[in-house]
Structures are given as C-alpha cells and as structure tokens.
Amino acid sequence: MSWPFAVMIAYLAVLSLLSVNGLHRLWMVIAFWRRRPSIAPPDPAEWPVVTVQLPVFNERYVVERLIRAVAALDWPRDRLEIQVLDDSTDDTTELSARLVDELRAQGHDIQLVHRTDRTGFKAGALAAGLAVAKGDLVAVFDADFVPTPDFLRRLVPWFADPGVGMVQARWGHLNAEQDWLTAAQATLLDGHFVIEHTARNASGRWFNFNGTAGIWRRQAIVDGGGWQHDTLTEDLDLSYRSQLAGWRFLYLPEVVAPAELPPDMRAFKAQQHRWAKG
C-alpha cells in the first residue's frame, strides 16, 4: 500500500468519525428544540426527610458559604439532616466544626463526619455518610456550590413518582462574566447541561448524575450497588448501574444550582485534577 493511499484511508476514517459525531450533535439540537416544558407536580401531603451530603476536602475558602447556604434551605428543620463529610488535612475541619456547633445550637440537625483515612476519596465519603443517613432522599453538593433556598422544594415533589431514582438540576455560574477563562468554562458546561442533558432527558434516553446539585432516592443508590471507589467516575458509574436496575432519572433545566467557576488557570487545573482523582 502506497503512503498516499494510506493517508487517504486515514483521512476518510477521521472524517467519518467527525461526521458521525456531527450527526449526533445535530440530533441533540433537534431533540432540544422538540422538548416539552416540564410541569411541576403538586407538593407532597407530607414532606419527606432529606439528607444533604457535603463532601469537602481542603476547602477553607468556601466551606462556610456552602454550609450556611444549605442551612438556609427552605425545608422543615425536623426533616432536614445535613452531613459535612470532611476528609480535609488543613484547617477546613476546624472551620467546619465551629460552624456545625453554631448551627446545631440553633436547632439544625447537622453533623461533621471527619475521616482521617481517605479510602475511596469522594465516593468513600459519600458511602460513609449514607451508612448513617436518616433520609430516604439524599442531596449532594460540592464545596463550590451555593444552592438557592427553594432547591429542595422544587426537586423533591418529582419523587412522588415511585419510579424516579434521581433528579438532577442544572449547574449555574456565579462568576461566568469575570474573565475569558470563566466565560469559556460556562459556555462548555452550558453545552453539556442546556443541550445534551435536556435532549437526552426529553427523548427518554439515559443520562448521568453530575456528582453534585442533584437528589437521589436512597433505594436507587442501594439497588445500583452503592458508591464504588474502584473507578474514577463514581457518579457516572452509579448512574448507569442504577438505571440498569430499573430506576428512571429526571433532569430539570429550569432549576439552577449556582456554583463558582475556577477564576484562574491554577484553580482550574486543581479542579480538573480533583475531578480526575475522584
């Protein structure tokens, strides 16, 4: 085989792959535009107990903002449990402990679960918290998120359908217009959340929990085999195992959970490293 012919074959192969990807993207855009607006179900007769898990690791600059935002959720205090799942090795643990004591004195059901052995990293922390959680519904927020007070009231009613195992909200951006880096991140994330997730959900196809800003039905986690830490993408792994077990996922693009984007390249690299490590 002559080298020009080999180059042509390689070129056509790459072009075919790009064409398939382009057609897939076109399908997503069409599915997005054909979606029907979701109609929120009525509030339940009795609000269920919800456990909110906050996995943190060395987040001294944002941990207080996160915990206070969750404590301000509009939910009956006797039906809201907050777990600060802290694997930190810096003064984040001390900061969290002081705030947990303050909020507990105000009547909040909040606990600090500190691990010195980081087995399983984030997945391990979530599993440790789930083992002692009180709620049948479990919300998860990463440290850079600031959930709005109405978050639970807008997502929980969808669990009236006994087949729903997880409800995912859209990620918002607190600082999208700060500079070119945050604007680029916001654009890429919006492509995933606004177009891809919406298209998949509207067409009845599977999609994944994004690791934060969503609520799980506890039984869906259990039926999916629980949080496993033998994979770098524990959220994706559990999502598909849970859906294989028969649970249905919902995505609500109209419910936005704001988060802070990394403001500089150093913070961006640190975030990507943390996501890759689990």
C-alpha atoms as a PDB file:
ATOM      1  CA  MET A   1       0.000   0.000   0.000  1.00  0.00           C
ATOM      2  CA  SER A   2       1.482   3.352  -1.071  1.00  0.00           C
ATOM      3  CA  TRP A   3       1.734   6.086   1.520  1.00  0.00           C
ATOM      4  CA  PRO A   4      -0.656   8.482  -0.333  1.00  0.00           C
ATOM      5  CA  PHE A   5      -3.316   5.765  -0.313  1.00  0.00           C
ATOM      6  CA  ALA A   6      -2.704   5.101   3.400  1.00  0.00           C
ATOM      7  CA  VAL A   7      -3.032   8.816   4.151  1.00  0.00           C
ATOM      8  CA  MET A   8      -6.293   8.948   2.198  1.00  0.00           C
ATOM      9  CA  ILE A   9      -7.717   5.985   4.152  1.00  0.00           C
ATOM     10  CA  ALA A  10      -6.739   7.597   7.450  1.00  0.00           C
ATOM     11  CA  TYR A  11      -8.247  10.903   6.348  1.00  0.00           C
ATOM     12  CA  LEU A  12     -11.539   9.265   5.368  1.00  0.00           C
ATOM     13  CA  ALA A  13     -11.670   7.352   8.660  1.00  0.00           C
ATOM     14  CA  VAL A  14     -11.221  10.527  10.688  1.00  0.00           C
ATOM     15  CA  LEU A  15     -13.731  12.371   8.508  1.00  0.00           C
ATOM     16  CA  SER A  16     -16.272   9.573   9.038  1.00  0.00           C
ATOM     17  CA  LEU A  17     -15.853   9.734  12.806  1.00  0.00           C
ATOM     18  CA  LEU A  18     -16.282  13.505  12.780  1.00  0.00           C
ATOM     19  CA  SER A  19     -19.378  13.160  10.598  1.00  0.00           C
ATOM     20  CA  VAL A  20     -20.942  10.664  12.997  1.00  0.00           C
ATOM     21  CA  ASN A  21     -20.185  12.982  15.908  1.00  0.00           C
ATOM     22  CA  GLY A  22     -21.667  15.900  13.983  1.00  0.00           C
ATOM     23  CA  LEU A  23     -24.859  13.965  13.259  1.00  0.00           C
ATOM     24  CA  HIS A  24     -25.114  13.025  16.933  1.00  0.00           C
ATOM     25  CA  ARG A  25     -24.794  16.691  17.903  1.00  0.00           C
ATOM     26  CA  LEU A  26     -27.395  17.636  15.322  1.00  0.00           C
ATOM     27  CA  TRP A  27     -29.782  15.063  16.799  1.00  0.00           C
ATOM     28  CA  MET A  28     -29.234  16.592  20.242  1.00  0.00           C
ATOM     29  CA  VAL A  29     -30.084  20.069  18.978  1.00  0.00           C
ATOM     30  CA  ILE A  30     -33.256  18.774  17.314  1.00  0.00           C
ATOM     31  CA  ALA A  31     -34.272  16.878  20.459  1.00  0.00           C
ATOM     32  CA  PHE A  32     -33.603  20.005  22.499  1.00  0.00           C
ATOM     33  CA  TRP A  33     -35.920  22.151  20.385  1.00  0.00           C
ATOM     34  CA  ARG A  34     -38.639  19.468  20.357  1.00  0.00           C
ATOM     35  CA  ARG A  35     -38.690  19.137  24.140  1.00  0.00           C
ATOM     36  CA  ARG A  36     -41.852  19.844  26.080  1.00  0.00           C
ATOM     37  CA  PRO A  37     -41.746  22.050  29.169  1.00  0.00           C
ATOM     38  CA  SER A  38     -41.973  20.060  32.378  1.00  0.00           C
ATOM     39  CA  ILE A  39     -44.996  20.609  34.595  1.00  0.00           C
ATOM     40  CA  ALA A  40     -44.094  20.507  38.253  1.00  0.00           C
ATOM     41  CA  PRO A  41     -46.105  18.022  40.318  1.00  0.00           C
ATOM     42  CA  PRO A  42     -48.021  19.246  43.383  1.00  0.00           C
ATOM     43  CA  ASP A  43     -46.334  19.408  46.753  1.00  0.00           C
ATOM     44  CA  PRO A  44     -46.492  16.140  48.703  1.00  0.00           C
ATOM     45  CA  ALA A  45     -49.001  15.802  51.536  1.00  0.00           C
ATOM     46  CA  GLU A  46     -46.067  15.193  53.875  1.00  0.00           C
ATOM     47  CA  TRP A  47     -42.554  16.438  53.235  1.00  0.00           C
ATOM     48  CA  PRO A  48     -40.048  13.565  53.446  1.00  0.00           C
ATOM     49  CA  VAL A  49     -36.819  13.521  55.447  1.00  0.00           C
ATOM     50  CA  VAL A  50     -33.929  14.678  53.262  1.00  0.00           C
ATOM     51  CA  THR A  51     -30.248  14.173  53.993  1.00  0.00           C
ATOM     52  CA  VAL A  52     -27.916  16.734  52.390  1.00  0.00           C
ATOM     53  CA  GLN A  53     -24.355  15.483  51.977  1.00  0.00           C
ATOM     54  CA  LEU A  54     -21.495  17.958  51.619  1.00  0.00           C
ATOM     55  CA  PRO A  55     -18.238  16.183  50.674  1.00  0.00           C
ATOM     56  CA  VAL A  56     -15.327  18.574  51.244  1.00  0.00           C
ATOM     57  CA  PHE A  57     -11.553  18.301  51.085  1.00  0.00           C
ATOM     58  CA  ASN A  58      -9.361  21.278  51.996  1.00  0.00           C
ATOM     59  CA  GLU A  59     -11.989  23.899  51.108  1.00  0.00           C
ATOM     60  CA  ARG A  60     -11.195  26.562  53.716  1.00  0.00           C
ATOM     61  CA  TYR A  61     -12.236  29.447  51.462  1.00  0.00           C
ATOM     62  CA  VAL A  62     -15.724  28.248  50.543  1.00  0.00           C
ATOM     63  CA  VAL A  63     -16.822  25.708  53.154  1.00  0.00           C
ATOM     64  CA  GLU A  64     -18.613  28.257  55.347  1.00  0.00           C
ATOM     65  CA  ARG A  65     -20.519  29.692  52.383  1.00  0.00           C
ATOM     66  CA  LEU A  66     -21.624  26.194  51.392  1.00  0.00           C
ATOM     67  CA  ILE A  67     -22.773  25.113  54.859  1.00  0.00           C
ATOM     68  CA  ARG A  68     -24.669  28.343  55.516  1.00  0.00           C
ATOM     69  CA  ALA A  69     -26.420  28.108  52.139  1.00  0.00           C
ATOM     70  CA  VAL A  70     -27.577  24.564  52.900  1.00  0.00           C
ATOM     71  CA  ALA A  71     -28.695  25.548  56.408  1.00  0.00           C
ATOM     72  CA  ALA A  72     -30.830  28.250  54.755  1.00  0.00           C
ATOM     73  CA  LEU A  73     -32.740  25.761  52.566  1.00  0.00           C
ATOM     74  CA  ASP A  74     -36.496  26.247  52.800  1.00  0.00           C
ATOM     75  CA  TRP A  75     -37.358  22.901  54.359  1.00  0.00           C
ATOM     76  CA  PRO A  76     -38.887  21.795  57.677  1.00  0.00           C
ATOM     77  CA  ARG A  77     -35.998  21.755  60.112  1.00  0.00           C
ATOM     78  CA  ASP A  78     -37.115  18.489  61.680  1.00  0.00           C
ATOM     79  CA  ARG A  79     -36.982  16.832  58.242  1.00  0.00           C
ATOM     80  CA  LEU A  80     -33.572  18.099  57.117  1.00  0.00           C
ATOM     81  CA  GLU A  81     -30.321  16.382  58.009  1.00  0.00           C
ATOM     82  CA  ILE A  82     -27.000  17.939  56.978  1.00  0.00           C
ATOM     83  CA  GLN A  83     -23.815  15.882  56.787  1.00  0.00           C
ATOM     84  CA  VAL A  84     -20.496  17.677  56.384  1.00  0.00           C
ATOM     85  CA  LEU A  85     -18.337  14.839  55.029  1.00  0.00           C
ATOM     86  CA  ASP A  86     -14.901  16.250  55.689  1.00  0.00           C
ATOM     87  CA  ASP A  87     -11.728  14.494  54.582  1.00  0.00           C
ATOM     88  CA  SER A  88      -9.619  17.642  54.957  1.00  0.00           C
ATOM     89  CA  THR A  89      -5.999  17.774  56.080  1.00  0.00           C
ATOM     90  CA  ASP A  90      -5.917  21.543  56.677  1.00  0.00           C
ATOM     91  CA  ASP A  91      -7.891  23.935  58.880  1.00  0.00           C
ATOM     92  CA  THR A  92     -11.121  23.267  56.940  1.00  0.00           C
ATOM     93  CA  THR A  93     -12.027  20.710  59.607  1.00  0.00           C
ATOM     94  CA  GLU A  94     -11.674  23.263  62.392  1.00  0.00           C
ATOM     95  CA  LEU A  95     -13.688  25.865  60.489  1.00  0.00           C
ATOM     96  CA  SER A  96     -16.411  23.318  59.733  1.00  0.00           C
ATOM     97  CA  ALA A  97     -16.534  22.096  63.335  1.00  0.00           C
ATOM     98  CA  ARG A  98     -17.106  25.607  64.704  1.00  0.00           C
ATOM     99  CA  LEU A  99     -19.882  26.292  62.223  1.00  0.00           C
ATOM    100  CA  VAL A 100     -21.503  22.906  62.826  1.00  0.00           C
ATOM    101  CA  ASP A 101     -21.565  23.603  66.566  1.00  0.00           C
ATOM    102  CA  GLU A 102     -23.092  27.042  65.924  1.00  0.00           C
ATOM    103  CA  LEU A 103     -25.842  25.690  63.677  1.00  0.00           C
ATOM    104  CA  ARG A 104     -26.565  22.750  65.949  1.00  0.00           C
ATOM    105  CA  ALA A 105     -27.104  25.204  68.811  1.00  0.00           C
ATOM    106  CA  GLN A 106     -29.686  26.924  66.600  1.00  0.00           C
ATOM    107  CA  GLY A 107     -31.616  23.673  66.208  1.00  0.00           C
ATOM    108  CA  HIS A 108     -30.238  22.310  62.938  1.00  0.00           C
ATOM    109  CA  ASP A 109     -29.700  18.576  62.567  1.00  0.00           C
ATOM    110  CA  ILE A 110     -26.122  18.786  61.322  1.00  0.00           C
ATOM    111  CA  GLN A 111     -23.134  16.515  61.822  1.00  0.00           C
ATOM    112  CA  LEU A 112     -19.459  16.673  60.953  1.00  0.00           C
ATOM    113  CA  VAL A 113     -18.178  13.321  59.698  1.00  0.00           C
ATOM    114  CA  HIS A 114     -14.384  13.574  59.574  1.00  0.00           C
ATOM    115  CA  ARG A 115     -12.277  10.791  58.099  1.00  0.00           C
ATOM    116  CA  THR A 116      -8.523  10.559  58.530  1.00  0.00           C
ATOM    117  CA  ASP A 117      -8.379   7.615  56.120  1.00  0.00           C
ATOM    118  CA  ARG A 118      -9.451   8.847  52.678  1.00  0.00           C
ATOM    119  CA  THR A 119     -10.238   5.407  51.315  1.00  0.00           C
ATOM    120  CA  GLY A 120     -12.368   5.842  48.224  1.00  0.00           C
ATOM    121  CA  PHE A 121     -11.960   9.635  48.268  1.00  0.00           C
ATOM    122  CA  LYS A 122     -15.310  11.315  47.482  1.00  0.00           C
ATOM    123  CA  ALA A 123     -17.117   8.022  46.835  1.00  0.00           C
ATOM    124  CA  GLY A 124     -15.825   6.698  50.151  1.00  0.00           C
ATOM    125  CA  ALA A 125     -17.005   9.798  51.994  1.00  0.00           C
ATOM    126  CA  LEU A 126     -20.479   9.593  50.440  1.00  0.00           C
ATOM    127  CA  ALA A 127     -20.737   5.907  51.304  1.00  0.00           C
ATOM    128  CA  ALA A 128     -19.670   6.548  54.897  1.00  0.00           C
ATOM    129  CA  GLY A 129     -22.298   9.255  55.242  1.00  0.00           C
ATOM    130  CA  LEU A 130     -25.014   7.169  53.621  1.00  0.00           C
ATOM    131  CA  ALA A 131     -24.426   4.385  56.136  1.00  0.00           C
ATOM    132  CA  VAL A 132     -25.676   6.643  58.949  1.00  0.00           C
ATOM    133  CA  ALA A 133     -28.019   8.928  56.971  1.00  0.00           C
ATOM    134  CA  LYS A 134     -31.615   9.361  58.122  1.00  0.00           C
ATOM    135  CA  GLY A 135     -33.241  10.444  54.872  1.00  0.00           C
ATOM    136  CA  ASP A 136     -34.836   8.359  52.139  1.00  0.00           C
ATOM    137  CA  LEU A 137     -33.786  11.164  49.777  1.00  0.00           C
ATOM    138  CA  VAL A 138     -30.149  12.257  49.590  1.00  0.00           C
ATOM    139  CA  ALA A 139     -28.959  15.532  48.040  1.00  0.00           C
ATOM    140  CA  VAL A 140     -25.294  16.149  47.236  1.00  0.00           C
ATOM    141  CA  PHE A 141     -23.464  19.464  46.845  1.00  0.00           C
ATOM    142  CA  ASP A 142     -19.796  20.051  46.144  1.00  0.00           C
ATOM    143  CA  ALA A 143     -17.962  22.792  48.002  1.00  0.00           C
ATOM    144  CA  ASP A 144     -18.120  25.396  45.221  1.00  0.00           C
ATOM    145  CA  PHE A 145     -21.938  25.350  45.034  1.00  0.00           C
ATOM    146  CA  VAL A 146     -24.390  27.759  46.639  1.00  0.00           C
ATOM    147  CA  PRO A 147     -27.870  26.195  46.426  1.00  0.00           C
ATOM    148  CA  THR A 148     -30.825  28.562  46.445  1.00  0.00           C
ATOM    149  CA  PRO A 149     -33.342  28.264  49.329  1.00  0.00           C
ATOM    150  CA  ASP A 150     -36.040  26.733  47.102  1.00  0.00           C
ATOM    151  CA  PHE A 151     -33.833  23.931  45.747  1.00  0.00           C
ATOM    152  CA  LEU A 152     -35.412  21.067  47.708  1.00  0.00           C
ATOM    153  CA  ARG A 153     -38.974  22.309  47.282  1.00  0.00           C
ATOM    154  CA  ARG A 154     -38.559  22.372  43.515  1.00  0.00           C
ATOM    155  CA  LEU A 155     -36.925  18.948  43.152  1.00  0.00           C
ATOM    156  CA  VAL A 156     -38.420  16.763  45.881  1.00  0.00           C
ATOM    157  CA  PRO A 157     -42.043  16.731  44.544  1.00  0.00           C
ATOM    158  CA  TRP A 158     -40.851  14.801  41.463  1.00  0.00           C
ATOM    159  CA  PHE A 159     -40.129  11.820  43.717  1.00  0.00           C
ATOM    160  CA  ALA A 160     -43.881  11.316  44.080  1.00  0.00           C
ATOM    161  CA  ASP A 161     -43.354   9.046  41.076  1.00  0.00           C
ATOM    162  CA  PRO A 162     -42.081   5.837  42.713  1.00  0.00           C
ATOM    163  CA  GLY A 163     -40.008   5.002  39.640  1.00  0.00           C
ATOM    164  CA  VAL A 164     -37.830   8.133  39.864  1.00  0.00           C
ATOM    165  CA  GLY A 165     -34.427   7.374  41.339  1.00  0.00           C
ATOM    166  CA  MET A 166     -32.569  10.657  40.793  1.00  0.00           C
ATOM    167  CA  VAL A 167     -33.367  14.250  39.865  1.00  0.00           C
ATOM    168  CA  GLN A 168     -30.577  16.468  38.536  1.00  0.00           C
ATOM    169  CA  ALA A 169     -30.595  20.281  38.460  1.00  0.00           C
ATOM    170  CA  ARG A 170     -28.664  22.463  36.033  1.00  0.00           C
ATOM    171  CA  TRP A 171     -25.386  23.999  37.104  1.00  0.00           C
ATOM    172  CA  GLY A 172     -25.348  27.783  37.196  1.00  0.00           C
ATOM    173  CA  HIS A 173     -22.359  30.118  37.300  1.00  0.00           C
ATOM    174  CA  LEU A 174     -21.724  32.797  39.907  1.00  0.00           C
ATOM    175  CA  ASN A 175     -18.805  34.367  38.057  1.00  0.00           C
ATOM    176  CA  ALA A 176     -19.292  33.498  34.379  1.00  0.00           C
ATOM    177  CA  GLU A 177     -18.542  37.062  33.271  1.00  0.00           C
ATOM    178  CA  GLN A 178     -15.413  37.539  35.353  1.00  0.00           C
ATOM    179  CA  ASP A 179     -12.937  36.939  32.503  1.00  0.00           C
ATOM    180  CA  TRP A 180     -12.310  34.880  29.378  1.00  0.00           C
ATOM    181  CA  LEU A 181     -11.496  31.735  31.360  1.00  0.00           C
ATOM    182  CA  THR A 182     -14.705  31.679  33.361  1.00  0.00           C
ATOM    183  CA  ALA A 183     -16.705  32.593  30.238  1.00  0.00           C
ATOM    184  CA  ALA A 184     -15.163  29.664  28.359  1.00  0.00           C
ATOM    185  CA  GLN A 185     -15.927  27.268  31.214  1.00  0.00           C
ATOM    186  CA  ALA A 186     -19.512  28.484  31.421  1.00  0.00           C
ATOM    187  CA  THR A 187     -20.002  28.001  27.665  1.00  0.00           C
ATOM    188  CA  LEU A 188     -18.668  24.446  27.752  1.00  0.00           C
ATOM    189  CA  LEU A 189     -20.737  23.492  30.794  1.00  0.00           C
ATOM    190  CA  ASP A 190     -23.883  25.047  29.330  1.00  0.00           C
ATOM    191  CA  GLY A 191     -23.408  22.994  26.180  1.00  0.00           C
ATOM    192  CA  HIS A 192     -23.491  19.890  28.341  1.00  0.00           C
ATOM    193  CA  PHE A 193     -26.312  20.894  30.670  1.00  0.00           C
ATOM    194  CA  VAL A 194     -28.543  23.044  28.479  1.00  0.00           C
ATOM    195  CA  ILE A 195     -28.330  20.989  25.270  1.00  0.00           C
ATOM    196  CA  GLU A 196     -27.074  17.448  25.968  1.00  0.00           C
ATOM    197  CA  HIS A 197     -28.823  16.677  29.246  1.00  0.00           C
ATOM    198  CA  THR A 198     -32.058  18.308  28.091  1.00  0.00           C
ATOM    199  CA  ALA A 199     -32.042  16.354  24.826  1.00  0.00           C
ATOM    200  CA  ARG A 200     -31.318  13.028  26.500  1.00  0.00           C
ATOM    201  CA  ASN A 201     -33.956  13.525  29.180  1.00  0.00           C
ATOM    202  CA  ALA A 202     -36.599  14.796  26.733  1.00  0.00           C
ATOM    203  CA  SER A 203     -36.090  11.784  24.440  1.00  0.00           C
ATOM    204  CA  GLY A 204     -36.201   9.250  27.269  1.00  0.00           C
ATOM    205  CA  ARG A 205     -32.541   8.297  26.981  1.00  0.00           C
ATOM    206  CA  TRP A 206     -30.227   7.653  29.889  1.00  0.00           C
ATOM    207  CA  PHE A 207     -28.045  10.384  31.310  1.00  0.00           C
ATOM    208  CA  ASN A 208     -25.827  10.616  34.359  1.00  0.00           C
ATOM    209  CA  PHE A 209     -25.813  12.297  37.742  1.00  0.00           C
ATOM    210  CA  ASN A 210     -23.150  15.004  37.610  1.00  0.00           C
ATOM    211  CA  GLY A 211     -21.732  14.458  41.088  1.00  0.00           C
ATOM    212  CA  THR A 212     -23.463  17.466  42.639  1.00  0.00           C
ATOM    213  CA  ALA A 213     -26.664  19.543  42.581  1.00  0.00           C
ATOM    214  CA  GLY A 214     -28.948  16.533  42.430  1.00  0.00           C
ATOM    215  CA  ILE A 215     -31.084  14.382  44.704  1.00  0.00           C
ATOM    216  CA  TRP A 216     -31.015  10.599  44.887  1.00  0.00           C
ATOM    217  CA  ARG A 217     -33.598   8.210  46.185  1.00  0.00           C
ATOM    218  CA  ARG A 218     -31.634   6.187  48.701  1.00  0.00           C
ATOM    219  CA  GLN A 219     -33.003   2.888  47.389  1.00  0.00           C
ATOM    220  CA  ALA A 220     -31.751   3.746  43.886  1.00  0.00           C
ATOM    221  CA  ILE A 221     -28.220   4.058  45.286  1.00  0.00           C
ATOM    222  CA  VAL A 222     -28.576   0.749  47.093  1.00  0.00           C
ATOM    223  CA  ASP A 223     -30.029  -1.044  44.057  1.00  0.00           C
ATOM    224  CA  GLY A 224     -27.183   0.307  41.936  1.00  0.00           C
ATOM    225  CA  GLY A 225     -24.639  -1.271  44.253  1.00  0.00           C
ATOM    226  CA  GLY A 226     -23.790   1.835  46.264  1.00  0.00           C
ATOM    227  CA  TRP A 227     -20.918   4.242  45.813  1.00  0.00           C
ATOM    228  CA  GLN A 228     -17.962   2.325  44.373  1.00  0.00           C
ATOM    229  CA  HIS A 229     -14.433   3.697  44.505  1.00  0.00           C
ATOM    230  CA  ASP A 230     -12.762   1.328  42.061  1.00  0.00           C
ATOM    231  CA  THR A 231     -13.500   3.835  39.284  1.00  0.00           C
ATOM    232  CA  LEU A 232     -12.509   7.465  38.680  1.00  0.00           C
ATOM    233  CA  THR A 233     -16.070   8.392  37.685  1.00  0.00           C
ATOM    234  CA  GLU A 234     -18.130   7.122  40.605  1.00  0.00           C
ATOM    235  CA  ASP A 235     -21.088   9.365  39.699  1.00  0.00           C
ATOM    236  CA  LEU A 236     -21.257   8.087  36.109  1.00  0.00           C
ATOM    237  CA  ASP A 237     -20.711   4.508  37.238  1.00  0.00           C
ATOM    238  CA  LEU A 238     -23.506   4.563  39.815  1.00  0.00           C
ATOM    239  CA  SER A 239     -25.829   6.381  37.402  1.00  0.00           C
ATOM    240  CA  TYR A 240     -25.776   3.623  34.822  1.00  0.00           C
ATOM    241  CA  ARG A 241     -25.835   0.800  37.356  1.00  0.00           C
ATOM    242  CA  SER A 242     -28.898   2.383  38.936  1.00  0.00           C
ATOM    243  CA  GLN A 243     -30.638   2.834  35.589  1.00  0.00           C
ATOM    244  CA  LEU A 244     -29.785  -0.752  34.664  1.00  0.00           C
ATOM    245  CA  ALA A 245     -31.553  -1.727  37.890  1.00  0.00           C
ATOM    246  CA  GLY A 246     -34.714  -0.092  36.522  1.00  0.00           C
ATOM    247  CA  TRP A 247     -34.653   3.399  38.057  1.00  0.00           C
ATOM    248  CA  ARG A 248     -35.577   6.434  35.995  1.00  0.00           C
ATOM    249  CA  PHE A 249     -33.687   9.739  36.110  1.00  0.00           C
ATOM    250  CA  LEU A 250     -35.095  13.234  35.557  1.00  0.00           C
ATOM    251  CA  TYR A 251     -33.337  16.425  34.553  1.00  0.00           C
ATOM    252  CA  LEU A 252     -34.813  19.841  35.365  1.00  0.00           C
ATOM    253  CA  PRO A 253     -33.015  22.558  33.340  1.00  0.00           C
ATOM    254  CA  GLU A 254     -35.256  25.245  34.837  1.00  0.00           C
ATOM    255  CA  VAL A 255     -33.849  24.586  38.328  1.00  0.00           C
ATOM    256  CA  VAL A 256     -30.410  26.169  38.563  1.00  0.00           C
ATOM    257  CA  ALA A 257     -27.838  25.495  41.290  1.00  0.00           C
ATOM    258  CA  PRO A 258     -25.231  28.273  41.198  1.00  0.00           C
ATOM    259  CA  ALA A 259     -21.548  27.419  41.540  1.00  0.00           C
ATOM    260  CA  GLU A 260     -18.292  29.342  41.452  1.00  0.00           C
ATOM    261  CA  LEU A 261     -16.101  28.660  38.437  1.00  0.00           C
ATOM    262  CA  PRO A 262     -12.324  28.492  38.942  1.00  0.00           C
ATOM    263  CA  PRO A 263     -11.210  32.119  38.458  1.00  0.00           C
ATOM    264  CA  ASP A 264      -7.684  31.424  37.203  1.00  0.00           C
ATOM    265  CA  MET A 265      -5.722  28.721  35.435  1.00  0.00           C
ATOM    266  CA  ARG A 266      -4.144  27.411  38.628  1.00  0.00           C
ATOM    267  CA  ALA A 267      -7.543  26.889  40.268  1.00  0.00           C
ATOM    268  CA  PHE A 268      -8.918  25.407  37.039  1.00  0.00           C
ATOM    269  CA  LYS A 269      -6.106  22.847  36.878  1.00  0.00           C
ATOM    270  CA  ALA A 270      -6.626  22.000  40.550  1.00  0.00           C
ATOM    271  CA  GLN A 271     -10.347  21.429  39.931  1.00  0.00           C
ATOM    272  CA  GLN A 272      -9.718  19.200  36.929  1.00  0.00           C
ATOM    273  CA  HIS A 273      -7.152  17.219  38.918  1.00  0.00           C
ATOM    274  CA  ARG A 274      -9.646  16.789  41.752  1.00  0.00           C
ATOM    275  CA  TRP A 275     -12.377  15.643  39.346  1.00  0.00           C
ATOM    276  CA  ALA A 276      -9.991  13.174  37.712  1.00  0.00           C
ATOM    277  CA  LYS A 277      -8.823  11.825  41.059  1.00  0.00           C
ATOM    278  CA  GLY A 278     -12.328  11.390  42.452  1.00  0.00           C
END
